[in-house]
C-alpha atoms as a PDB file:
ATOM      1  CA  MET A   1      -6.120  19.154  -6.828  1.00  0.00           C
ATOM      2  CA  ASN A   2      -4.845  18.561  -3.457  1.00  0.00           C
ATOM      3  CA  LEU A   3      -4.492  14.848  -3.011  1.00  0.00           C
ATOM      4  CA  PRO A   4      -1.292  13.895  -1.025  1.00  0.00           C
ATOM      5  CA  GLN A   5      -2.172  10.718   0.402  1.00  0.00           C
ATOM      6  CA  SER A   6      -4.002   9.368  -2.828  1.00  0.00           C
ATOM      7  CA  ARG A   7      -1.373  10.157  -4.608  1.00  0.00           C
ATOM      8  CA  ALA A   8       1.096   8.732  -2.176  1.00  0.00           C
ATOM      9  CA  LEU A   9      -0.681   5.327  -2.233  1.00  0.00           C
ATOM     10  CA  THR A  10      -1.171   5.353  -6.137  1.00  0.00           C
ATOM     11  CA  GLN A  11       2.603   5.752  -6.219  1.00  0.00           C
ATOM     12  CA  LYS A  12       3.133   3.248  -3.674  1.00  0.00           C
ATOM     13  CA  SER A  13       1.483   0.245  -4.892  1.00  0.00           C
ATOM     14  CA  ALA A  14       3.313   0.658  -8.565  1.00  0.00           C
ATOM     15  CA  SER A  15       0.393  -1.380  -9.799  1.00  0.00           C
ATOM     16  CA  ASN A  16      -0.478  -1.961 -13.521  1.00  0.00           C
ATOM     17  CA  LEU A  17      -3.598   0.253 -13.159  1.00  0.00           C
ATOM     18  CA  ALA A  18      -1.618   2.844 -11.520  1.00  0.00           C
ATOM     19  CA  LEU A  19       0.956   2.629 -14.471  1.00  0.00           C
ATOM     20  CA  ALA A  20      -1.742   3.312 -16.661  1.00  0.00           C
ATOM     21  CA  PHE A  21      -1.993   6.872 -15.448  1.00  0.00           C
ATOM     22  CA  ILE A  22       0.627   8.562 -16.954  1.00  0.00           C
ATOM     23  CA  LEU A  23      -0.879   8.402 -20.374  1.00  0.00           C
ATOM     24  CA  LEU A  24      -3.765  11.253 -18.907  1.00  0.00           C
ATOM     25  CA  PRO A  25      -3.871  14.545 -18.344  1.00  0.00           C
ATOM     26  CA  ARG A  26      -3.243  16.273 -15.259  1.00  0.00           C
ATOM     27  CA  GLU A  27      -6.668  16.386 -13.658  1.00  0.00           C
ATOM     28  CA  LYS A  28      -7.892  13.398 -14.930  1.00  0.00           C
ATOM     29  CA  ARG A  29      -4.874  11.577 -13.642  1.00  0.00           C
ATOM     30  CA  ASP A  30      -5.246  13.084 -10.221  1.00  0.00           C
ATOM     31  CA  ALA A  31      -9.230  11.973 -10.486  1.00  0.00           C
ATOM     32  CA  MET A  32      -7.683   8.625 -11.204  1.00  0.00           C
ATOM     33  CA  SER A  33      -5.110   8.464  -8.652  1.00  0.00           C
ATOM     34  CA  ALA A  34      -8.000   9.360  -6.077  1.00  0.00           C
ATOM     35  CA  LEU A  35     -10.287   6.705  -7.443  1.00  0.00           C
ATOM     36  CA  TYR A  36      -7.548   3.750  -7.074  1.00  0.00           C
ATOM     37  CA  ALA A  37      -6.961   4.783  -3.703  1.00  0.00           C
ATOM     38  CA  PHE A  38     -10.299   4.529  -2.455  1.00  0.00           C
ATOM     39  CA  CYS A  39     -10.503   1.070  -4.346  1.00  0.00           C
ATOM     40  CA  ARG A  40      -6.978   0.073  -2.928  1.00  0.00           C
ATOM     41  CA  ALA A  41      -8.428   1.093   0.475  1.00  0.00           C
ATOM     42  CA  VAL A  42     -11.681  -1.097   0.507  1.00  0.00           C
ATOM     43  CA  ASP A  43      -9.235  -3.914  -0.939  1.00  0.00           C
ATOM     44  CA  ASP A  44      -6.994  -3.775   1.370  1.00  0.00           C
ATOM     45  CA  VAL A  45      -9.358  -3.923   4.059  1.00  0.00           C
ATOM     46  CA  ALA A  46     -11.043  -7.141   2.425  1.00  0.00           C
ATOM     47  CA  ASP A  47      -7.889  -9.082   2.292  1.00  0.00           C
ATOM     48  CA  GLU A  48      -6.152  -8.575   5.621  1.00  0.00           C
ATOM     49  CA  ASP A  49      -6.673 -11.934   6.783  1.00  0.00           C
ATOM     50  CA  SER A  50      -4.617 -11.145  10.446  1.00  0.00           C
ATOM     51  CA  VAL A  51      -7.955  -9.148  11.095  1.00  0.00           C
ATOM     52  CA  PRO A  52     -10.943 -11.232  12.371  1.00  0.00           C
ATOM     53  CA  THR A  53     -13.832 -11.354   9.359  1.00  0.00           C
ATOM     54  CA  GLU A  54     -16.480  -9.625  11.667  1.00  0.00           C
ATOM     55  CA  LYS A  55     -14.013  -6.725  12.509  1.00  0.00           C
ATOM     56  CA  ARG A  56     -13.112  -6.232   8.530  1.00  0.00           C
ATOM     57  CA  ARG A  57     -16.845  -6.511   7.314  1.00  0.00           C
ATOM     58  CA  ALA A  58     -17.260  -3.621  10.063  1.00  0.00           C
ATOM     59  CA  GLN A  59     -14.554  -1.576   8.476  1.00  0.00           C
ATOM     60  CA  LEU A  60     -16.100  -2.050   4.965  1.00  0.00           C
ATOM     61  CA  ALA A  61     -19.269  -0.955   6.723  1.00  0.00           C
ATOM     62  CA  ALA A  62     -17.514   2.532   7.822  1.00  0.00           C
ATOM     63  CA  TRP A  63     -16.007   2.724   4.217  1.00  0.00           C
ATOM     64  CA  ARG A  64     -19.771   2.286   2.764  1.00  0.00           C
ATOM     65  CA  GLU A  65     -21.525   4.943   5.065  1.00  0.00           C
ATOM     66  CA  ASP A  66     -18.591   7.351   4.503  1.00  0.00           C
ATOM     67  CA  ILE A  67     -18.541   7.285   0.563  1.00  0.00           C
ATOM     68  CA  ARG A  68     -22.246   7.633   0.739  1.00  0.00           C
ATOM     69  CA  ARG A  69     -21.844  10.642   2.668  1.00  0.00           C
ATOM     70  CA  ALA A  70     -19.226  12.132  -0.170  1.00  0.00           C
ATOM     71  CA  CYS A  71     -21.893  11.242  -2.586  1.00  0.00           C
ATOM     72  CA  ASN A  72     -24.462  12.917  -0.907  1.00  0.00           C
ATOM     73  CA  ASN A  73     -22.232  16.030  -0.843  1.00  0.00           C
ATOM     74  CA  GLU A  74     -21.543  15.737   2.690  1.00  0.00           C
ATOM     75  CA  LYS A  75     -17.913  16.024   4.296  1.00  0.00           C
ATOM     76  CA  PRO A  76     -16.728  12.468   4.582  1.00  0.00           C
ATOM     77  CA  GLU A  77     -14.796  11.459   7.508  1.00  0.00           C
ATOM     78  CA  PHE A  78     -11.794   9.087   6.205  1.00  0.00           C
ATOM     79  CA  ILE A  79      -8.657  11.384   5.012  1.00  0.00           C
ATOM     80  CA  LEU A  80      -8.786   9.453   1.748  1.00  0.00           C
ATOM     81  CA  ASN A  81     -12.428  10.463   0.797  1.00  0.00           C
ATOM     82  CA  GLN A  82     -11.797  13.714   1.461  1.00  0.00           C
ATOM     83  CA  GLU A  83      -9.647  14.013  -0.988  1.00  0.00           C
ATOM     84  CA  PHE A  84     -11.749  12.230  -3.436  1.00  0.00           C
ATOM     85  CA  LEU A  85     -14.958  14.301  -2.637  1.00  0.00           C
ATOM     86  CA  PRO A  86     -13.875  17.000  -5.046  1.00  0.00           C
ATOM     87  CA  VAL A  87     -13.535  14.436  -7.692  1.00  0.00           C
ATOM     88  CA  ILE A  88     -16.893  12.504  -6.844  1.00  0.00           C
ATOM     89  CA  ARG A  89     -18.674  16.144  -7.275  1.00  0.00           C
ATOM     90  CA  GLN A  90     -16.820  16.866 -10.614  1.00  0.00           C
ATOM     91  CA  PHE A  91     -17.417  13.679 -12.170  1.00  0.00           C
ATOM     92  CA  LYS A  92     -20.875  13.092 -10.538  1.00  0.00           C
ATOM     93  CA  LEU A  93     -19.514   9.511  -9.445  1.00  0.00           C
ATOM     94  CA  PRO A  94     -22.758   7.536  -8.236  1.00  0.00           C
ATOM     95  CA  PHE A  95     -22.615   5.908  -4.726  1.00  0.00           C
ATOM     96  CA  ALA A  96     -24.562   2.855  -6.227  1.00  0.00           C
ATOM     97  CA  LEU A  97     -21.316   1.830  -7.842  1.00  0.00           C
ATOM     98  CA  PHE A  98     -18.988   2.307  -4.395  1.00  0.00           C
ATOM     99  CA  ASP A  99     -21.959   0.285  -2.762  1.00  0.00           C
ATOM    100  CA  GLU A 100     -21.238  -2.637  -5.650  1.00  0.00           C
ATOM    101  CA  LEU A 101     -17.961  -2.413  -5.431  1.00  0.00           C
ATOM    102  CA  ILE A 102     -17.880  -2.900  -1.522  1.00  0.00           C
ATOM    103  CA  GLN A 103     -19.986  -5.902  -1.892  1.00  0.00           C
ATOM    104  CA  GLY A 104     -17.486  -7.548  -4.193  1.00  0.00           C
ATOM    105  CA  CYS A 105     -14.875  -6.847  -1.783  1.00  0.00           C
ATOM    106  CA  GLU A 106     -17.512  -8.513   0.806  1.00  0.00           C
ATOM    107  CA  MET A 107     -17.582 -11.587  -0.961  1.00  0.00           C
ATOM    108  CA  ASP A 108     -14.049 -11.828  -0.253  1.00  0.00           C
ATOM    109  CA  LEU A 109     -14.809 -12.364   3.511  1.00  0.00           C
ATOM    110  CA  GLU A 110     -17.585 -14.887   2.779  1.00  0.00           C
ATOM    111  CA  GLN A 111     -16.924 -16.844  -0.189  1.00  0.00           C
ATOM    112  CA  LEU A 112     -13.288 -18.717  -0.893  1.00  0.00           C
ATOM    113  CA  ARG A 113     -14.652 -20.859  -3.674  1.00  0.00           C
ATOM    114  CA  TYR A 114     -17.144 -20.178  -6.998  1.00  0.00           C
ATOM    115  CA  GLU A 115     -19.635 -22.780  -8.269  1.00  0.00           C
ATOM    116  CA  ASN A 116     -19.502 -21.573 -12.050  1.00  0.00           C
ATOM    117  CA  PHE A 117     -18.837 -19.088 -14.184  1.00  0.00           C
ATOM    118  CA  ASP A 118     -22.377 -17.321 -13.157  1.00  0.00           C
ATOM    119  CA  GLU A 119     -21.119 -16.649  -9.619  1.00  0.00           C
ATOM    120  CA  LEU A 120     -17.594 -15.829 -11.023  1.00  0.00           C
ATOM    121  CA  GLY A 121     -18.769 -13.313 -13.499  1.00  0.00           C
ATOM    122  CA  LEU A 122     -20.721 -11.547 -10.413  1.00  0.00           C
ATOM    123  CA  TYR A 123     -17.524 -11.039  -8.517  1.00  0.00           C
ATOM    124  CA  CYS A 124     -15.347  -9.834 -11.401  1.00  0.00           C
ATOM    125  CA  HIS A 125     -18.588  -7.550 -12.407  1.00  0.00           C
ATOM    126  CA  ARG A 126     -18.463  -6.109  -8.632  1.00  0.00           C
ATOM    127  CA  VAL A 127     -14.357  -5.857  -8.316  1.00  0.00           C
ATOM    128  CA  ALA A 128     -13.206  -4.979 -11.831  1.00  0.00           C
ATOM    129  CA  SER A 129     -15.858  -3.808 -14.166  1.00  0.00           C
ATOM    130  CA  VAL A 130     -17.700  -1.621 -11.904  1.00  0.00           C
ATOM    131  CA  VAL A 131     -13.821   0.224 -11.297  1.00  0.00           C
ATOM    132  CA  GLY A 132     -13.943   0.449 -15.457  1.00  0.00           C
ATOM    133  CA  LEU A 133     -17.679   2.104 -15.127  1.00  0.00           C
ATOM    134  CA  LEU A 134     -16.191   4.691 -12.673  1.00  0.00           C
ATOM    135  CA  SER A 135     -13.090   5.436 -14.604  1.00  0.00           C
ATOM    136  CA  ILE A 136     -15.174   5.910 -17.794  1.00  0.00           C
ATOM    137  CA  GLU A 137     -17.142   8.454 -16.296  1.00  0.00           C
ATOM    138  CA  ILE A 138     -13.821  10.524 -15.518  1.00  0.00           C
ATOM    139  CA  PHE A 139     -12.245   9.795 -18.745  1.00  0.00           C
ATOM    140  CA  GLY A 140     -15.067  11.224 -20.479  1.00  0.00           C
ATOM    141  CA  TYR A 141     -17.523   9.733 -23.183  1.00  0.00           C
ATOM    142  CA  GLN A 142     -19.594  10.265 -25.757  1.00  0.00           C
ATOM    143  CA  ASN A 143     -21.353   6.929 -26.843  1.00  0.00           C
ATOM    144  CA  PRO A 144     -23.323   5.125 -24.156  1.00  0.00           C
ATOM    145  CA  ALA A 145     -21.880   1.974 -25.599  1.00  0.00           C
ATOM    146  CA  CYS A 146     -18.705   2.810 -23.586  1.00  0.00           C
ATOM    147  CA  HIS A 147     -20.509   0.972 -20.312  1.00  0.00           C
ATOM    148  CA  ASP A 148     -20.422  -2.172 -22.719  1.00  0.00           C
ATOM    149  CA  TYR A 149     -16.603  -1.715 -22.957  1.00  0.00           C
ATOM    150  CA  ALA A 150     -16.182  -1.367 -19.683  1.00  0.00           C
ATOM    151  CA  VAL A 151     -17.777  -4.396 -18.440  1.00  0.00           C
ATOM    152  CA  TYR A 152     -16.375  -6.496 -21.090  1.00  0.00           C
ATOM    153  CA  LEU A 153     -12.646  -4.937 -19.942  1.00  0.00           C
ATOM    154  CA  GLY A 154     -13.057  -5.264 -16.782  1.00  0.00           C
ATOM    155  CA  ASN A 155     -13.864  -8.559 -16.990  1.00  0.00           C
ATOM    156  CA  ALA A 156     -11.294  -9.560 -19.267  1.00  0.00           C
ATOM    157  CA  LEU A 157      -8.559  -7.769 -16.700  1.00  0.00           C
ATOM    158  CA  GLN A 158     -10.172  -9.455 -13.723  1.00  0.00           C
ATOM    159  CA  LEU A 159      -9.878 -12.849 -15.560  1.00  0.00           C
ATOM    160  CA  THR A 160      -6.211 -12.475 -16.500  1.00  0.00           C
ATOM    161  CA  ASN A 161      -5.585 -11.441 -12.980  1.00  0.00           C
ATOM    162  CA  ILE A 162      -7.236 -14.621 -11.736  1.00  0.00           C
ATOM    163  CA  LEU A 163      -5.034 -16.645 -13.721  1.00  0.00           C
ATOM    164  CA  ARG A 164      -1.762 -15.052 -12.851  1.00  0.00           C
ATOM    165  CA  ASP A 165      -2.475 -14.877  -8.776  1.00  0.00           C
ATOM    166  CA  VAL A 166      -3.766 -19.118  -8.585  1.00  0.00           C
ATOM    167  CA  LYS A 167      -0.722 -19.562  -6.200  1.00  0.00           C
ATOM    168  CA  ASN A 168      -0.913 -16.508  -4.059  1.00  0.00           C
ATOM    169  CA  ASP A 169      -5.049 -16.981  -3.302  1.00  0.00           C
ATOM    170  CA  ALA A 170      -4.449 -20.527  -2.880  1.00  0.00           C
ATOM    171  CA  ALA A 171      -1.823 -19.920   0.119  1.00  0.00           C
ATOM    172  CA  ARG A 172      -4.764 -17.869   1.725  1.00  0.00           C
ATOM    173  CA  GLY A 173      -7.336 -20.642   0.919  1.00  0.00           C
ATOM    174  CA  ARG A 174      -8.842 -19.271  -1.736  1.00  0.00           C
ATOM    175  CA  ILE A 175      -9.789 -20.562  -5.452  1.00  0.00           C
ATOM    176  CA  TYR A 176     -11.553 -18.322  -7.911  1.00  0.00           C
ATOM    177  CA  LEU A 177     -11.316 -20.999 -10.605  1.00  0.00           C
ATOM    178  CA  PRO A 178     -14.773 -22.166 -11.107  1.00  0.00           C
ATOM    179  CA  LEU A 179     -15.550 -26.038  -9.501  1.00  0.00           C
ATOM    180  CA  THR A 180     -17.288 -26.721 -12.346  1.00  0.00           C
ATOM    181  CA  ASP A 181     -14.402 -26.463 -14.666  1.00  0.00           C
ATOM    182  CA  LEU A 182     -12.079 -28.299 -11.573  1.00  0.00           C
ATOM    183  CA  ARG A 183     -14.863 -30.844 -12.546  1.00  0.00           C
ATOM    184  CA  LYS A 184     -14.590 -30.722 -15.995  1.00  0.00           C
ATOM    185  CA  PHE A 185     -10.843 -31.217 -15.919  1.00  0.00           C
ATOM    186  CA  ASN A 186     -10.288 -33.507 -13.196  1.00  0.00           C
ATOM    187  CA  VAL A 187      -8.423 -30.783 -11.207  1.00  0.00           C
ATOM    188  CA  LYS A 188      -8.740 -31.552  -7.093  1.00  0.00           C
ATOM    189  CA  GLU A 189      -9.208 -28.488  -5.112  1.00  0.00           C
ATOM    190  CA  ALA A 190      -6.018 -29.867  -2.991  1.00  0.00           C
ATOM    191  CA  GLU A 191      -3.922 -29.868  -6.090  1.00  0.00           C
ATOM    192  CA  ILE A 192      -4.384 -26.273  -6.195  1.00  0.00           C
ATOM    193  CA  LEU A 193      -4.072 -25.673  -2.757  1.00  0.00           C
ATOM    194  CA  ASN A 194      -0.362 -27.598  -2.707  1.00  0.00           C
ATOM    195  CA  SER A 195       0.509 -26.011  -6.185  1.00  0.00           C
ATOM    196  CA  GLN A 196       0.772 -29.071  -8.177  1.00  0.00           C
ATOM    197  CA  TYR A 197       1.191 -28.492 -11.870  1.00  0.00           C
ATOM    198  CA  SER A 198      -0.417 -30.911 -14.425  1.00  0.00           C
ATOM    199  CA  ASP A 199      -1.439 -31.168 -17.794  1.00  0.00           C
ATOM    200  CA  ARG A 200      -4.876 -31.427 -16.581  1.00  0.00           C
ATOM    201  CA  TYR A 201      -4.484 -27.806 -14.890  1.00  0.00           C
ATOM    202  CA  PHE A 202      -2.955 -26.434 -17.952  1.00  0.00           C
ATOM    203  CA  SER A 203      -6.354 -27.622 -19.567  1.00  0.00           C
ATOM    204  CA  LEU A 204      -8.360 -25.825 -16.898  1.00  0.00           C
ATOM    205  CA  ALA A 205      -6.304 -22.493 -16.958  1.00  0.00           C
ATOM    206  CA  SER A 206      -6.539 -22.571 -20.829  1.00  0.00           C
ATOM    207  CA  SER A 207     -10.261 -22.884 -20.558  1.00  0.00           C
ATOM    208  CA  VAL A 208     -10.425 -19.973 -18.295  1.00  0.00           C
ATOM    209  CA  ALA A 209      -8.237 -18.315 -20.686  1.00  0.00           C
ATOM    210  CA  ASP A 210     -10.455 -18.925 -23.779  1.00  0.00           C
ATOM    211  CA  ARG A 211     -13.231 -16.998 -21.684  1.00  0.00           C
ATOM    212  CA  ALA A 212     -10.831 -14.187 -21.216  1.00  0.00           C
ATOM    213  CA  LYS A 213     -10.305 -13.744 -24.470  1.00  0.00           C
ATOM    214  CA  GLN A 214     -13.259 -13.428 -25.554  1.00  0.00           C
ATOM    215  CA  PHE A 215     -14.080 -10.388 -23.337  1.00  0.00           C
ATOM    216  CA  TYR A 216     -10.927  -9.088 -24.653  1.00  0.00           C
ATOM    217  CA  SER A 217     -12.347  -9.276 -28.187  1.00  0.00           C
ATOM    218  CA  LEU A 218     -15.776  -7.808 -27.089  1.00  0.00           C
ATOM    219  CA  ALA A 219     -14.237  -5.016 -25.884  1.00  0.00           C
ATOM    220  CA  ALA A 220     -11.693  -4.135 -28.935  1.00  0.00           C
ATOM    221  CA  LYS A 221     -15.139  -4.356 -30.801  1.00  0.00           C
ATOM    222  CA  THR A 222     -17.478  -2.442 -28.244  1.00  0.00           C
ATOM    223  CA  LEU A 223     -15.143   0.535 -27.768  1.00  0.00           C
ATOM    224  CA  PRO A 224     -16.992   3.629 -30.512  1.00  0.00           C
ATOM    225  CA  SER A 225     -14.130   4.750 -32.432  1.00  0.00           C
ATOM    226  CA  GLU A 226     -14.954   8.349 -31.327  1.00  0.00           C
ATOM    227  CA  ASP A 227     -14.271   7.365 -27.613  1.00  0.00           C
ATOM    228  CA  ARG A 228     -10.982   5.692 -28.441  1.00  0.00           C
ATOM    229  CA  ARG A 229      -8.798   8.231 -28.002  1.00  0.00           C
ATOM    230  CA  SER A 230     -10.370   9.458 -24.667  1.00  0.00           C
ATOM    231  CA  MET A 231     -10.137   5.609 -23.341  1.00  0.00           C
ATOM    232  CA  VAL A 232      -6.619   5.517 -23.972  1.00  0.00           C
ATOM    233  CA  ALA A 233      -5.801   4.821 -20.153  1.00  0.00           C
ATOM    234  CA  ALA A 234      -8.208   1.977 -20.277  1.00  0.00           C
ATOM    235  CA  GLU A 235      -6.811   0.943 -23.792  1.00  0.00           C
ATOM    236  CA  LEU A 236      -3.127   0.972 -22.289  1.00  0.00           C
ATOM    237  CA  MET A 237      -4.543  -1.651 -19.716  1.00  0.00           C
ATOM    238  CA  GLY A 238      -5.806  -3.601 -22.404  1.00  0.00           C
ATOM    239  CA  SER A 239      -2.675  -4.112 -23.838  1.00  0.00           C
ATOM    240  CA  VAL A 240      -0.768  -4.889 -20.610  1.00  0.00           C
ATOM    241  CA  TYR A 241      -3.120  -7.480 -19.424  1.00  0.00           C
ATOM    242  CA  TRP A 242      -3.544  -9.023 -22.843  1.00  0.00           C
ATOM    243  CA  GLN A 243       0.265  -9.404 -23.085  1.00  0.00           C
ATOM    244  CA  LEU A 244       0.156 -10.812 -19.528  1.00  0.00           C
ATOM    245  CA  LEU A 245      -2.014 -13.590 -20.771  1.00  0.00           C
ATOM    246  CA  GLN A 246       0.239 -14.212 -23.953  1.00  0.00           C
ATOM    247  CA  LYS A 247       2.894 -14.579 -21.884  1.00  0.00           C
ATOM    248  CA  LEU A 248       0.818 -17.161 -19.252  1.00  0.00           C
ATOM    249  CA  GLU A 249      -0.383 -19.157 -21.986  1.00  0.00           C
ATOM    250  CA  ARG A 250       3.689 -19.340 -23.346  1.00  0.00           C
ATOM    251  CA  GLU A 251       4.383 -20.635 -20.043  1.00  0.00           C
ATOM    252  CA  LYS A 252       1.720 -22.632 -20.034  1.00  0.00           C
ATOM    253  CA  PHE A 253      -0.009 -21.360 -16.924  1.00  0.00           C
ATOM    254  CA  ASP A 254       2.325 -22.685 -14.761  1.00  0.00           C
ATOM    255  CA  VAL A 255       2.295 -19.945 -11.760  1.00  0.00           C
ATOM    256  CA  PHE A 256       3.235 -22.469  -9.175  1.00  0.00           C
ATOM    257  CA  GLY A 257       6.948 -21.786  -9.164  1.00  0.00           C
ATOM    258  CA  PRO A 258       9.076 -19.704  -7.070  1.00  0.00           C
ATOM    259  CA  LYS A 259       8.419 -16.988  -9.863  1.00  0.00           C
ATOM    260  CA  PRO A 260       5.417 -16.615 -11.572  1.00  0.00           C
ATOM    261  CA  PRO A 261       4.906 -15.215 -15.080  1.00  0.00           C
ATOM    262  CA  LYS A 262       4.923 -11.487 -15.137  1.00  0.00           C
ATOM    263  CA  LEU A 263       5.769  -8.542 -17.205  1.00  0.00           C
ATOM    264  CA  SER A 264       9.254  -6.815 -16.638  1.00  0.00           C
ATOM    265  CA  LYS A 265       8.956  -3.233 -16.081  1.00  0.00           C
ATOM    266  CA  PRO A 266      10.952  -2.521 -19.664  1.00  0.00           C
ATOM    267  CA  HIS A 267       8.103  -4.419 -21.166  1.00  0.00           C
ATOM    268  CA  LYS A 268       5.674  -2.295 -19.460  1.00  0.00           C
ATOM    269  CA  LEU A 269       7.271   0.848 -20.339  1.00  0.00           C
ATOM    270  CA  ALA A 270       7.507  -0.407 -23.973  1.00  0.00           C
ATOM    271  CA  LEU A 271       4.051  -0.691 -23.878  1.00  0.00           C
ATOM    272  CA  ILE A 272       3.054   2.915 -22.443  1.00  0.00           C
ATOM    273  CA  PHE A 273       5.599   4.216 -25.392  1.00  0.00           C
ATOM    274  CA  LYS A 274       3.946   2.421 -28.193  1.00  0.00           C
ATOM    275  CA  SER A 275       0.171   3.580 -26.711  1.00  0.00           C
ATOM    276  CA  TRP A 276       1.477   6.702 -26.609  1.00  0.00           C
ATOM    277  CA  LEU A 277       2.713   6.685 -30.281  1.00  0.00           C
ATOM    278  CA  ARG A 278      -0.338   5.249 -31.116  1.00  0.00           C
ATOM    279  CA  TYR A 279      -2.395   7.865 -29.146  1.00  0.00           C
ATOM    280  CA  ALA A 280      -0.639  11.009 -31.167  1.00  0.00           C
ATOM    281  CA  ALA A 281      -0.851   9.196 -34.434  1.00  0.00           C
ATOM    282  CA  GLY A 282      -4.611   9.093 -33.828  1.00  0.00           C
ATOM    283  CA  SER A 283      -4.998   4.976 -34.159  1.00  0.00           C
ATOM    284  CA  THR A 284      -8.317   3.683 -33.757  1.00  0.00           C
ATOM    285  CA  SER A 285      -7.560  -0.159 -33.519  1.00  0.00           C
ATOM    286  CA  PRO A 286      -7.182  -1.869 -30.360  1.00  0.00           C
ATOM    287  CA  ASN A 287      -3.690  -3.366 -29.474  1.00  0.00           C
ATOM    288  CA  TYR A 288      -5.472  -6.518 -27.615  1.00  0.00           C
ATOM    289  CA  GLY A 289      -7.524  -9.513 -28.552  1.00  0.00           C
ATOM    290  CA  THR A 290      -6.061 -10.523 -31.319  1.00  0.00           C
ATOM    291  CA  ARG A 291      -2.732 -12.212 -31.977  1.00  0.00           C
END
């Protein structure tokens, strides 16, 4: 595939998601780079706080219309979508999922707080689980239970992201931790916005982490054994983010210091190597969701 812009954006990002592509065959690795580039582009639009909200809303509307063209087998205008077009055709990626993803990005323009886990769950589904549902179409699967697997794993990864990024999100005025949980553990919004760590915050974060663990466990149990090999990149993502959640827990979820907890590059490379060994050995057991 001729994907210079998509590959460049994916390589520049150095994200955990992009790192997982290394385990895929070349064709699927390229397809995932094109998908990732699209996701990165629309997410960047939503997160560019220096641009007025209405302009960002118009930009996201333009991305929605352009990806609609691609899904309708018409020529899109944006370079990334032009590169993405053959992938959309080959794997029959549906516009409805792209629409949901962009709706998730639009939530970031409008909603700086989430009252409860139902509200947050909708956000997590749109920005994370939907990406999983698109990804499994590229990976290929036999059993439709993979749909549930993608949803569960997406929720697990996004909740882990939220716990890791509390400080960065607060710097932009955003709090993704549900307000019902803040009240339950007597944590004030101002404490989070001012990077104030406390035992009460630890209890709050632990509660959210418990929900993430439930989703990791559900994902591990739901993925059919016959599809585990084709989901090797997703399983690597599960392993990387599970280890990140464990690290956050060991450090008592204190992300307010100058160096928030994260996995080192050698640690990530070791996880990739272990995942490759498990793949080569034909292992069908999950590498996350248990201590």
